[in-house]
PDB file of N, CA and C in Angstrom:
ATOM      1  N   MET A   1     107.843 127.704 131.426  1.00  0.00           N
ATOM      2  CA  MET A   1     107.602 127.991 132.851  1.00  0.00           C
ATOM      3  C   MET A   1     106.809 127.103 133.621  1.00  0.00           C
ATOM      4  N   TRP A   2     107.561 126.668 134.990  1.00  0.00           N
ATOM      5  CA  TRP A   2     107.081 125.757 135.636  1.00  0.00           C
ATOM      6  C   TRP A   2     105.649 126.165 136.498  1.00  0.00           C
ATOM      7  N   ASP A   3     104.611 125.565 136.266  1.00  0.00           N
ATOM      8  CA  ASP A   3     103.403 125.833 136.809  1.00  0.00           C
ATOM      9  C   ASP A   3     102.844 124.597 137.796  1.00  0.00           C
ATOM     10  N   ALA A   4     101.605 125.020 138.242  1.00  0.00           N
ATOM     11  CA  ALA A   4     100.882 123.942 138.830  1.00  0.00           C
ATOM     12  C   ALA A   4     100.536 122.607 138.151  1.00  0.00           C
ATOM     13  N   THR A   5     100.156 122.806 136.671  1.00  0.00           N
ATOM     14  CA  THR A   5      99.919 121.652 136.120  1.00  0.00           C
ATOM     15  C   THR A   5     101.058 120.586 135.879  1.00  0.00           C
ATOM     16  N   LYS A   6     102.585 121.326 135.732  1.00  0.00           N
ATOM     17  CA  LYS A   6     103.626 120.558 135.707  1.00  0.00           C
ATOM     18  C   LYS A   6     103.802 120.009 136.842  1.00  0.00           C
ATOM     19  N   GLN A   7     103.783 120.612 137.981  1.00  0.00           N
ATOM     20  CA  GLN A   7     104.031 120.139 139.215  1.00  0.00           C
ATOM     21  C   GLN A   7     103.110 118.834 139.306  1.00  0.00           C
ATOM     22  N   HIS A   8     101.766 119.030 139.185  1.00  0.00           N
ATOM     23  CA  HIS A   8     100.863 118.014 139.434  1.00  0.00           C
ATOM     24  C   HIS A   8     101.238 116.824 138.512  1.00  0.00           C
ATOM     25  N   GLN A   9     101.558 117.129 137.281  1.00  0.00           N
ATOM     26  CA  GLN A   9     101.963 115.799 136.321  1.00  0.00           C
ATOM     27  C   GLN A   9     103.218 115.309 137.039  1.00  0.00           C
ATOM     28  N   LEU A  10     104.163 115.907 137.438  1.00  0.00           N
ATOM     29  CA  LEU A  10     105.484 115.221 138.165  1.00  0.00           C
ATOM     30  C   LEU A  10     105.025 114.315 139.386  1.00  0.00           C
ATOM     31  N   ASN A  11     104.319 115.268 140.243  1.00  0.00           N
ATOM     32  CA  ASN A  11     103.973 114.461 141.333  1.00  0.00           C
ATOM     33  C   ASN A  11     103.188 113.013 141.217  1.00  0.00           C
ATOM     34  N   GLU A  12     102.246 113.275 139.997  1.00  0.00           N
ATOM     35  CA  GLU A  12     101.667 111.838 139.869  1.00  0.00           C
ATOM     36  C   GLU A  12     102.422 110.746 139.193  1.00  0.00           C
ATOM     37  N   LEU A  13     103.245 111.291 138.272  1.00  0.00           N
ATOM     38  CA  LEU A  13     104.349 110.297 137.844  1.00  0.00           C
ATOM     39  C   LEU A  13     105.256 109.846 138.737  1.00  0.00           C
ATOM     40  N   GLN A  14     105.618 110.521 139.730  1.00  0.00           N
ATOM     41  CA  GLN A  14     106.553 110.228 140.772  1.00  0.00           C
ATOM     42  C   GLN A  14     106.001 109.111 141.546  1.00  0.00           C
ATOM     43  N   HIS A  15     104.527 109.383 141.930  1.00  0.00           N
ATOM     44  CA  HIS A  15     103.749 108.561 142.908  1.00  0.00           C
ATOM     45  C   HIS A  15     103.586 107.051 142.070  1.00  0.00           C
ATOM     46  N   ARG A  16     103.210 107.135 140.825  1.00  0.00           N
ATOM     47  CA  ARG A  16     102.767 105.869 140.049  1.00  0.00           C
ATOM     48  C   ARG A  16     104.282 105.154 140.048  1.00  0.00           C
ATOM     49  N   LYS A  17     105.427 105.800 139.894  1.00  0.00           N
ATOM     50  CA  LYS A  17     106.411 105.129 139.781  1.00  0.00           C
ATOM     51  C   LYS A  17     106.898 104.329 140.851  1.00  0.00           C
ATOM     52  N   GLU A  18     106.518 104.917 142.097  1.00  0.00           N
ATOM     53  CA  GLU A  18     106.744 104.141 143.533  1.00  0.00           C
ATOM     54  C   GLU A  18     105.769 102.954 143.652  1.00  0.00           C
ATOM     55  N   ILE A  19     104.588 103.070 143.057  1.00  0.00           N
ATOM     56  CA  ILE A  19     103.752 101.928 143.130  1.00  0.00           C
ATOM     57  C   ILE A  19     104.011 100.942 142.149  1.00  0.00           C
ATOM     58  N   SER A  20     104.284 101.177 140.897  1.00  0.00           N
ATOM     59  CA  SER A  20     104.390 100.235 139.710  1.00  0.00           C
ATOM     60  C   SER A  20     105.337 101.050 138.689  1.00  0.00           C
ATOM     61  N   ALA A  21     105.517 100.259 137.552  1.00  0.00           N
ATOM     62  CA  ALA A  21     106.344 100.650 136.573  1.00  0.00           C
ATOM     63  C   ALA A  21     105.659 101.470 135.568  1.00  0.00           C
ATOM     64  N   LEU A  22     106.375 102.329 134.945  1.00  0.00           N
ATOM     65  CA  LEU A  22     105.773 103.434 134.301  1.00  0.00           C
ATOM     66  C   LEU A  22     106.036 102.842 132.842  1.00  0.00           C
ATOM     67  N   ASN A  23     105.245 103.160 131.772  1.00  0.00           N
ATOM     68  CA  ASN A  23     105.522 102.804 130.517  1.00  0.00           C
ATOM     69  C   ASN A  23     106.599 103.633 129.959  1.00  0.00           C
ATOM     70  N   SER A  24     107.041 103.357 128.802  1.00  0.00           N
ATOM     71  CA  SER A  24     108.065 104.038 128.004  1.00  0.00           C
ATOM     72  C   SER A  24     107.658 105.527 127.843  1.00  0.00           C
ATOM     73  N   GLU A  25     106.557 105.956 127.487  1.00  0.00           N
ATOM     74  CA  GLU A  25     105.999 107.234 127.351  1.00  0.00           C
ATOM     75  C   GLU A  25     106.227 108.013 128.575  1.00  0.00           C
ATOM     76  N   GLU A  26     105.605 107.348 129.439  1.00  0.00           N
ATOM     77  CA  GLU A  26     105.452 108.149 130.970  1.00  0.00           C
ATOM     78  C   GLU A  26     107.006 108.282 131.575  1.00  0.00           C
ATOM     79  N   GLU A  27     107.979 107.441 131.294  1.00  0.00           N
ATOM     80  CA  GLU A  27     109.271 107.447 131.850  1.00  0.00           C
ATOM     81  C   GLU A  27     109.871 108.802 131.047  1.00  0.00           C
ATOM     82  N   GLN A  28     109.652 108.852 129.822  1.00  0.00           N
ATOM     83  CA  GLN A  28     110.042 109.911 128.920  1.00  0.00           C
ATOM     84  C   GLN A  28     109.648 111.294 129.586  1.00  0.00           C
ATOM     85  N   LEU A  29     108.223 111.389 129.889  1.00  0.00           N
ATOM     86  CA  LEU A  29     107.743 112.364 130.302  1.00  0.00           C
ATOM     87  C   LEU A  29     108.119 112.857 131.702  1.00  0.00           C
ATOM     88  N   LEU A  30     108.519 112.078 132.472  1.00  0.00           N
ATOM     89  CA  LEU A  30     109.144 112.078 133.916  1.00  0.00           C
ATOM     90  C   LEU A  30     110.263 112.590 133.885  1.00  0.00           C
ATOM     91  N   THR A  31     111.153 112.062 132.989  1.00  0.00           N
ATOM     92  CA  THR A  31     112.592 112.469 132.584  1.00  0.00           C
ATOM     93  C   THR A  31     112.580 114.014 132.086  1.00  0.00           C
ATOM     94  N   TYR A  32     111.674 114.145 131.177  1.00  0.00           N
ATOM     95  CA  TYR A  32     111.503 115.671 130.614  1.00  0.00           C
ATOM     96  C   TYR A  32     111.164 116.700 131.630  1.00  0.00           C
ATOM     97  N   LEU A  33     110.199 116.326 132.673  1.00  0.00           N
ATOM     98  CA  LEU A  33     109.576 117.044 133.558  1.00  0.00           C
ATOM     99  C   LEU A  33     110.767 117.396 134.542  1.00  0.00           C
ATOM    100  N   LEU A  34     111.467 116.381 135.065  1.00  0.00           N
ATOM    101  CA  LEU A  34     112.513 116.694 136.045  1.00  0.00           C
ATOM    102  C   LEU A  34     113.687 117.361 135.440  1.00  0.00           C
ATOM    103  N   SER A  35     113.773 117.302 134.133  1.00  0.00           N
ATOM    104  CA  SER A  35     114.949 117.953 133.437  1.00  0.00           C
ATOM    105  C   SER A  35     114.497 119.498 133.485  1.00  0.00           C
ATOM    106  N   LYS A  36     113.173 119.673 133.115  1.00  0.00           N
ATOM    107  CA  LYS A  36     112.814 121.072 132.986  1.00  0.00           C
ATOM    108  C   LYS A  36     112.676 121.624 134.245  1.00  0.00           C
ATOM    109  N   LEU A  37     112.107 121.056 135.319  1.00  0.00           N
ATOM    110  CA  LEU A  37     112.324 121.506 136.614  1.00  0.00           C
ATOM    111  C   LEU A  37     113.872 121.959 137.210  1.00  0.00           C
ATOM    112  N   GLU A  38     114.599 121.163 136.746  1.00  0.00           N
ATOM    113  CA  GLU A  38     116.137 121.441 137.164  1.00  0.00           C
ATOM    114  C   GLU A  38     116.612 122.527 136.410  1.00  0.00           C
ATOM    115  N   GLN A  39     116.444 122.811 135.030  1.00  0.00           N
ATOM    116  CA  GLN A  39     116.665 123.948 134.286  1.00  0.00           C
ATOM    117  C   GLN A  39     116.207 125.011 135.062  1.00  0.00           C
ATOM    118  N   GLU A  40     115.142 125.228 135.170  1.00  0.00           N
ATOM    119  CA  GLU A  40     114.308 126.364 135.805  1.00  0.00           C
ATOM    120  C   GLU A  40     114.731 126.673 137.206  1.00  0.00           C
ATOM    121  N   GLU A  41     115.147 125.667 137.878  1.00  0.00           N
ATOM    122  CA  GLU A  41     115.754 125.974 139.219  1.00  0.00           C
ATOM    123  C   GLU A  41     117.099 126.395 139.138  1.00  0.00           C
ATOM    124  N   TRP A  42     117.978 126.102 138.320  1.00  0.00           N
ATOM    125  CA  TRP A  42     119.268 126.657 138.052  1.00  0.00           C
ATOM    126  C   TRP A  42     119.049 128.048 137.579  1.00  0.00           C
ATOM    127  N   ALA A  43     118.145 128.196 136.708  1.00  0.00           N
ATOM    128  CA  ALA A  43     118.060 129.561 135.952  1.00  0.00           C
ATOM    129  C   ALA A  43     117.605 130.490 137.155  1.00  0.00           C
ATOM    130  N   ALA A  44     116.855 130.029 138.075  1.00  0.00           N
ATOM    131  CA  ALA A  44     116.343 130.882 139.337  1.00  0.00           C
ATOM    132  C   ALA A  44     117.629 131.167 140.067  1.00  0.00           C
ATOM    133  N   LEU A  45     118.451 130.252 140.183  1.00  0.00           N
ATOM    134  CA  LEU A  45     119.578 130.162 141.139  1.00  0.00           C
ATOM    135  C   LEU A  45     120.613 131.019 140.606  1.00  0.00           C
ATOM    136  N   ARG A  46     120.786 131.043 139.431  1.00  0.00           N
ATOM    137  CA  ARG A  46     122.107 131.605 138.732  1.00  0.00           C
ATOM    138  C   ARG A  46     122.259 132.943 139.055  1.00  0.00           C
ATOM    139  N   PRO A  47     121.437 134.020 139.254  1.00  0.00           N
ATOM    140  CA  PRO A  47     121.775 135.363 139.681  1.00  0.00           C
ATOM    141  C   PRO A  47     122.210 135.386 141.187  1.00  0.00           C
ATOM    142  N   THR A  48     121.557 134.499 141.944  1.00  0.00           N
ATOM    143  CA  THR A  48     122.049 134.662 143.454  1.00  0.00           C
ATOM    144  C   THR A  48     123.523 133.932 143.505  1.00  0.00           C
ATOM    145  N   LEU A  49     123.600 132.715 142.640  1.00  0.00           N
ATOM    146  CA  LEU A  49     125.136 132.059 142.940  1.00  0.00           C
ATOM    147  C   LEU A  49     126.219 133.170 142.283  1.00  0.00           C
ATOM    148  N   SER A  50     125.713 133.863 141.148  1.00  0.00           N
ATOM    149  CA  SER A  50     126.856 134.720 140.725  1.00  0.00           C
ATOM    150  C   SER A  50     127.017 135.786 141.677  1.00  0.00           C
ATOM    151  N   ARG A  51     126.005 136.164 142.338  1.00  0.00           N
ATOM    152  CA  ARG A  51     126.273 137.521 143.276  1.00  0.00           C
ATOM    153  C   ARG A  51     127.079 136.811 144.617  1.00  0.00           C
ATOM    154  N   LEU A  52     126.775 135.728 144.988  1.00  0.00           N
ATOM    155  CA  LEU A  52     127.500 134.909 145.904  1.00  0.00           C
ATOM    156  C   LEU A  52     129.124 134.838 145.760  1.00  0.00           C
ATOM    157  N   ARG A  53     129.155 134.416 144.274  1.00  0.00           N
ATOM    158  CA  ARG A  53     130.664 134.330 144.018  1.00  0.00           C
ATOM    159  C   ARG A  53     131.356 135.519 143.998  1.00  0.00           C
ATOM    160  N   GLU A  54     130.676 136.454 143.596  1.00  0.00           N
ATOM    161  CA  GLU A  54     131.429 137.891 143.458  1.00  0.00           C
ATOM    162  C   GLU A  54     131.709 138.325 145.006  1.00  0.00           C
ATOM    163  N   GLU A  55     130.665 138.065 145.737  1.00  0.00           N
ATOM    164  CA  GLU A  55     130.726 138.469 147.186  1.00  0.00           C
ATOM    165  C   GLU A  55     131.936 137.868 147.733  1.00  0.00           C
ATOM    166  N   GLN A  56     132.077 136.478 147.586  1.00  0.00           N
ATOM    167  CA  GLN A  56     133.120 135.428 147.994  1.00  0.00           C
ATOM    168  C   GLN A  56     134.363 136.115 147.742  1.00  0.00           C
ATOM    169  N   TYR A  57     134.677 136.516 146.222  1.00  0.00           N
ATOM    170  CA  TYR A  57     135.993 136.888 145.937  1.00  0.00           C
ATOM    171  C   TYR A  57     136.355 138.174 146.299  1.00  0.00           C
ATOM    172  N   GLN A  58     135.293 139.292 147.007  1.00  0.00           N
ATOM    173  CA  GLN A  58     135.346 140.260 147.302  1.00  0.00           C
ATOM    174  C   GLN A  58     135.831 140.231 148.871  1.00  0.00           C
ATOM    175  N   LEU A  59     135.425 139.210 149.499  1.00  0.00           N
ATOM    176  CA  LEU A  59     135.849 138.969 150.833  1.00  0.00           C
ATOM    177  C   LEU A  59     137.196 138.381 151.109  1.00  0.00           C
ATOM    178  N   GLN A  60     137.378 137.571 149.951  1.00  0.00           N
ATOM    179  CA  GLN A  60     138.879 136.811 149.991  1.00  0.00           C
ATOM    180  C   GLN A  60     139.748 137.939 149.622  1.00  0.00           C
ATOM    181  N   LYS A  61     139.408 139.061 148.964  1.00  0.00           N
ATOM    182  CA  LYS A  61     140.479 139.872 148.742  1.00  0.00           C
ATOM    183  C   LYS A  61     140.563 140.830 149.610  1.00  0.00           C
ATOM    184  N   THR A  62     139.443 141.138 150.357  1.00  0.00           N
ATOM    185  CA  THR A  62     139.630 141.993 151.368  1.00  0.00           C
ATOM    186  C   THR A  62     140.259 141.156 152.796  1.00  0.00           C
ATOM    187  N   TYR A  63     140.192 140.005 152.781  1.00  0.00           N
ATOM    188  CA  TYR A  63     140.792 139.152 153.839  1.00  0.00           C
ATOM    189  C   TYR A  63     142.453 138.999 153.380  1.00  0.00           C
ATOM    190  N   GLY A  64     142.846 139.002 152.169  1.00  0.00           N
ATOM    191  CA  GLY A  64     144.063 139.105 151.823  1.00  0.00           C
ATOM    192  C   GLY A  64     144.799 140.433 152.269  1.00  0.00           C
ATOM    193  N   GLN A  65     144.138 141.563 152.111  1.00  0.00           N
ATOM    194  CA  GLN A  65     144.523 142.738 152.344  1.00  0.00           C
ATOM    195  C   GLN A  65     144.590 142.908 153.871  1.00  0.00           C
ATOM    196  N   ILE A  66     143.913 142.477 154.740  1.00  0.00           N
ATOM    197  CA  ILE A  66     143.877 142.525 156.084  1.00  0.00           C
ATOM    198  C   ILE A  66     144.921 141.595 156.613  1.00  0.00           C
ATOM    199  N   ASN A  67     145.160 140.523 156.121  1.00  0.00           N
ATOM    200  CA  ASN A  67     146.381 139.728 156.310  1.00  0.00           C
ATOM    201  C   ASN A  67     147.546 140.467 155.985  1.00  0.00           C
ATOM    202  N   ALA A  68     147.669 141.065 154.955  1.00  0.00           N
ATOM    203  CA  ALA A  68     149.042 141.852 154.672  1.00  0.00           C
ATOM    204  C   ALA A  68     149.141 142.707 155.557  1.00  0.00           C
ATOM    205  N   ASP A  69     148.006 143.628 155.962  1.00  0.00           N
ATOM    206  CA  ASP A  69     148.214 144.772 156.916  1.00  0.00           C
ATOM    207  C   ASP A  69     148.632 144.390 158.159  1.00  0.00           C
ATOM    208  N   ASN A  70     148.108 143.222 158.633  1.00  0.00           N
ATOM    209  CA  ASN A  70     148.506 142.605 160.043  1.00  0.00           C
ATOM    210  C   ASN A  70     149.742 142.148 159.977  1.00  0.00           C
ATOM    211  N   ALA A  71     150.349 141.565 159.121  1.00  0.00           N
ATOM    212  CA  ALA A  71     151.975 141.348 158.965  1.00  0.00           C
ATOM    213  C   ALA A  71     152.464 142.636 158.887  1.00  0.00           C
ATOM    214  N   LEU A  72     152.373 143.615 158.427  1.00  0.00           N
ATOM    215  CA  LEU A  72     152.961 144.864 158.454  1.00  0.00           C
ATOM    216  C   LEU A  72     152.827 145.557 159.884  1.00  0.00           C
ATOM    217  N   LEU A  73     151.612 145.497 160.333  1.00  0.00           N
ATOM    218  CA  LEU A  73     151.415 146.015 161.916  1.00  0.00           C
ATOM    219  C   LEU A  73     152.443 145.174 162.900  1.00  0.00           C
ATOM    220  N   ALA A  74     152.354 143.866 162.470  1.00  0.00           N
ATOM    221  CA  ALA A  74     153.258 142.933 163.513  1.00  0.00           C
ATOM    222  C   ALA A  74     154.582 143.373 163.332  1.00  0.00           C
ATOM    223  N   ALA A  75     154.995 143.807 162.243  1.00  0.00           N
ATOM    224  CA  ALA A  75     156.545 144.141 162.052  1.00  0.00           C
ATOM    225  C   ALA A  75     156.801 145.392 162.813  1.00  0.00           C
ATOM    226  N   ILE A  76     155.716 146.358 162.700  1.00  0.00           N
ATOM    227  CA  ILE A  76     155.921 147.511 163.379  1.00  0.00           C
ATOM    228  C   ILE A  76     155.948 147.516 164.826  1.00  0.00           C
ATOM    229  N   VAL A  77     155.186 146.458 165.148  1.00  0.00           N
ATOM    230  CA  VAL A  77     155.115 146.403 166.912  1.00  0.00           C
ATOM    231  C   VAL A  77     156.405 145.563 167.304  1.00  0.00           C
ATOM    232  N   GLU A  78     157.015 144.983 166.467  1.00  0.00           N
ATOM    233  CA  GLU A  78     158.297 144.353 166.775  1.00  0.00           C
ATOM    234  C   GLU A  78     159.311 145.329 166.854  1.00  0.00           C
ATOM    235  N   ARG A  79     159.449 146.329 165.923  1.00  0.00           N
ATOM    236  CA  ARG A  79     160.374 147.382 165.780  1.00  0.00           C
ATOM    237  C   ARG A  79     160.205 148.281 167.050  1.00  0.00           C
ATOM    238  N   GLN A  80     158.858 148.618 167.373  1.00  0.00           N
ATOM    239  CA  GLN A  80     158.503 149.298 168.369  1.00  0.00           C
ATOM    240  C   GLN A  80     159.098 148.664 169.799  1.00  0.00           C
ATOM    241  N   GLU A  81     158.891 147.334 169.981  1.00  0.00           N
ATOM    242  CA  GLU A  81     159.199 146.810 171.125  1.00  0.00           C
ATOM    243  C   GLU A  81     160.814 146.782 171.252  1.00  0.00           C
ATOM    244  N   TYR A  82     161.564 146.585 170.066  1.00  0.00           N
ATOM    245  CA  TYR A  82     163.001 146.517 169.961  1.00  0.00           C
ATOM    246  C   TYR A  82     163.491 147.941 170.639  1.00  0.00           C
ATOM    247  N   LEU A  83     162.841 149.218 169.745  1.00  0.00           N
ATOM    248  CA  LEU A  83     162.915 150.375 170.285  1.00  0.00           C
ATOM    249  C   LEU A  83     163.031 150.773 171.686  1.00  0.00           C
ATOM    250  N   LEU A  84     161.826 150.239 172.315  1.00  0.00           N
ATOM    251  CA  LEU A  84     161.548 150.311 173.772  1.00  0.00           C
ATOM    252  C   LEU A  84     162.586 149.757 174.652  1.00  0.00           C
ATOM    253  N   GLN A  85     163.029 148.682 174.121  1.00  0.00           N
ATOM    254  CA  GLN A  85     164.141 147.707 175.143  1.00  0.00           C
ATOM    255  C   GLN A  85     165.530 148.487 174.766  1.00  0.00           C
ATOM    256  N   ARG A  86     165.750 149.006 173.629  1.00  0.00           N
ATOM    257  CA  ARG A  86     167.045 149.830 173.688  1.00  0.00           C
ATOM    258  C   ARG A  86     166.925 151.217 174.315  1.00  0.00           C
ATOM    259  N   THR A  87     165.832 151.861 174.336  1.00  0.00           N
ATOM    260  CA  THR A  87     165.693 153.011 175.320  1.00  0.00           C
ATOM    261  C   THR A  87     165.892 152.716 176.427  1.00  0.00           C
ATOM    262  N   LYS A  88     165.230 151.650 176.977  1.00  0.00           N
ATOM    263  CA  LYS A  88     165.285 151.326 178.516  1.00  0.00           C
ATOM    264  C   LYS A  88     166.950 150.950 178.863  1.00  0.00           C
ATOM    265  N   THR A  89     167.636 150.384 177.888  1.00  0.00           N
ATOM    266  CA  THR A  89     169.042 150.238 178.031  1.00  0.00           C
ATOM    267  C   THR A  89     169.914 151.603 178.240  1.00  0.00           C
ATOM    268  N   VAL A  90     169.567 152.387 177.334  1.00  0.00           N
ATOM    269  CA  VAL A  90     170.173 153.752 177.115  1.00  0.00           C
ATOM    270  C   VAL A  90     169.920 154.227 178.528  1.00  0.00           C
ATOM    271  N   LEU A  91     168.672 154.297 178.774  1.00  0.00           N
ATOM    272  CA  LEU A  91     168.133 155.326 180.070  1.00  0.00           C
ATOM    273  C   LEU A  91     168.861 154.673 181.491  1.00  0.00           C
ATOM    274  N   ASN A  92     168.965 153.239 181.460  1.00  0.00           N
ATOM    275  CA  ASN A  92     169.419 152.741 182.723  1.00  0.00           C
ATOM    276  C   ASN A  92     171.080 153.176 182.615  1.00  0.00           C
ATOM    277  N   GLY A  93     171.721 153.216 181.293  1.00  0.00           N
ATOM    278  CA  GLY A  93     173.351 153.613 181.484  1.00  0.00           C
ATOM    279  C   GLY A  93     172.966 155.183 181.821  1.00  0.00           C
ATOM    280  N   LEU A  94     172.285 155.845 181.252  1.00  0.00           N
ATOM    281  CA  LEU A  94     172.485 157.355 181.497  1.00  0.00           C
ATOM    282  C   LEU A  94     172.059 157.721 182.953  1.00  0.00           C
ATOM    283  N   LEU A  95     171.322 156.822 183.715  1.00  0.00           N
ATOM    284  CA  LEU A  95     170.951 156.905 185.194  1.00  0.00           C
ATOM    285  C   LEU A  95     172.073 156.477 185.844  1.00  0.00           C
ATOM    286  N   GLU A  96     172.666 155.518 185.432  1.00  0.00           N
ATOM    287  CA  GLU A  96     173.900 154.991 186.168  1.00  0.00           C
ATOM    288  C   GLU A  96     175.127 156.251 186.214  1.00  0.00           C
ATOM    289  N   GLU A  97     175.031 156.523 184.979  1.00  0.00           N
ATOM    290  CA  GLU A  97     176.233 157.912 184.802  1.00  0.00           C
ATOM    291  C   GLU A  97     175.751 158.799 185.655  1.00  0.00           C
ATOM    292  N   HIS A  98     174.478 159.232 185.842  1.00  0.00           N
ATOM    293  CA  HIS A  98     174.017 160.429 186.566  1.00  0.00           C
ATOM    294  C   HIS A  98     174.359 160.326 188.016  1.00  0.00           C
ATOM    295  N   LYS A  99     174.195 159.079 188.305  1.00  0.00           N
ATOM    296  CA  LYS A  99     174.348 158.604 189.821  1.00  0.00           C
ATOM    297  C   LYS A  99     175.852 158.527 190.234  1.00  0.00           C
ATOM    298  N   ALA A 100     176.674 158.240 189.292  1.00  0.00           N
ATOM    299  CA  ALA A 100     178.171 158.367 189.199  1.00  0.00           C
ATOM    300  C   ALA A 100     178.449 159.955 189.434  1.00  0.00           C
ATOM    301  N   ILE A 101     177.974 160.584 188.886  1.00  0.00           N
ATOM    302  CA  ILE A 101     178.478 162.192 188.788  1.00  0.00           C
ATOM    303  C   ILE A 101     178.003 162.436 189.956  1.00  0.00           C
ATOM    304  N   GLN A 102     176.829 162.383 190.440  1.00  0.00           N
ATOM    305  CA  GLN A 102     176.129 162.630 191.823  1.00  0.00           C
ATOM    306  C   GLN A 102     177.113 162.414 192.926  1.00  0.00           C
ATOM    307  N   ASP A 103     177.455 161.085 193.051  1.00  0.00           N
ATOM    308  CA  ASP A 103     178.379 160.531 193.894  1.00  0.00           C
ATOM    309  C   ASP A 103     179.866 161.289 194.030  1.00  0.00           C
ATOM    310  N   ALA A 104     180.274 161.417 192.689  1.00  0.00           N
ATOM    311  CA  ALA A 104     181.557 162.260 192.817  1.00  0.00           C
ATOM    312  C   ALA A 104     181.414 163.597 193.043  1.00  0.00           C
ATOM    313  N   TYR A 105     180.347 164.324 192.763  1.00  0.00           N
ATOM    314  CA  TYR A 105     180.082 165.751 193.362  1.00  0.00           C
ATOM    315  C   TYR A 105     180.000 165.719 194.646  1.00  0.00           C
ATOM    316  N   ALA A 106     179.128 164.689 195.392  1.00  0.00           N
ATOM    317  CA  ALA A 106     178.988 164.589 196.853  1.00  0.00           C
ATOM    318  C   ALA A 106     180.237 164.377 197.525  1.00  0.00           C
ATOM    319  N   ARG A 107     181.220 163.481 196.971  1.00  0.00           N
ATOM    320  CA  ARG A 107     182.651 163.364 197.681  1.00  0.00           C
ATOM    321  C   ARG A 107     183.379 164.629 197.612  1.00  0.00           C
ATOM    322  N   ILE A 108     183.287 165.329 196.606  1.00  0.00           N
ATOM    323  CA  ILE A 108     184.139 166.340 196.433  1.00  0.00           C
ATOM    324  C   ILE A 108     183.563 167.863 197.368  1.00  0.00           C
ATOM    325  N   THR A 109     182.272 167.789 197.248  1.00  0.00           N
ATOM    326  CA  THR A 109     181.799 168.779 198.043  1.00  0.00           C
ATOM    327  C   THR A 109     181.438 168.517 199.546  1.00  0.00           C
ATOM    328  N   GLY A 110     181.546 167.352 199.654  1.00  0.00           N
ATOM    329  CA  GLY A 110     181.547 166.927 201.175  1.00  0.00           C
ATOM    330  C   GLY A 110     180.220 166.567 201.762  1.00  0.00           C
TER     331      GLY A 110
END
C-alpha cells in the first residue's frame, strides 16, 4: 500500500535525479516505486473506469434506441403530412362539387 514513507522516498529520489545522477541501486528503487505507484493508481481507478465503461455502453444503447425511435417518428410525420395533403385535395374537390350543386340549384329555383 502506498504510504507517506514511499511518497517521501519517491520525492527524494526524483529530486536527487534532477540535480545529479543516481547510482544503480537508487535507479532500481526509483523504477520500483514508480511502478508500484502506477499499479496502485490503476487499482484505485479500475472500479471507476469499469463503471464509466458500463455507463458509456448503456448511453450508446439508449442513443441507438432513441435514433431508431426518431426515424420511426419521422416516417409517421411524413405519412401524416401526406395524409393531410390528400385530405386537403379531397376537401377542395368536395367544396367545388358542393358549390356546383348550389349553383345548379340556384339556377333552377331562380
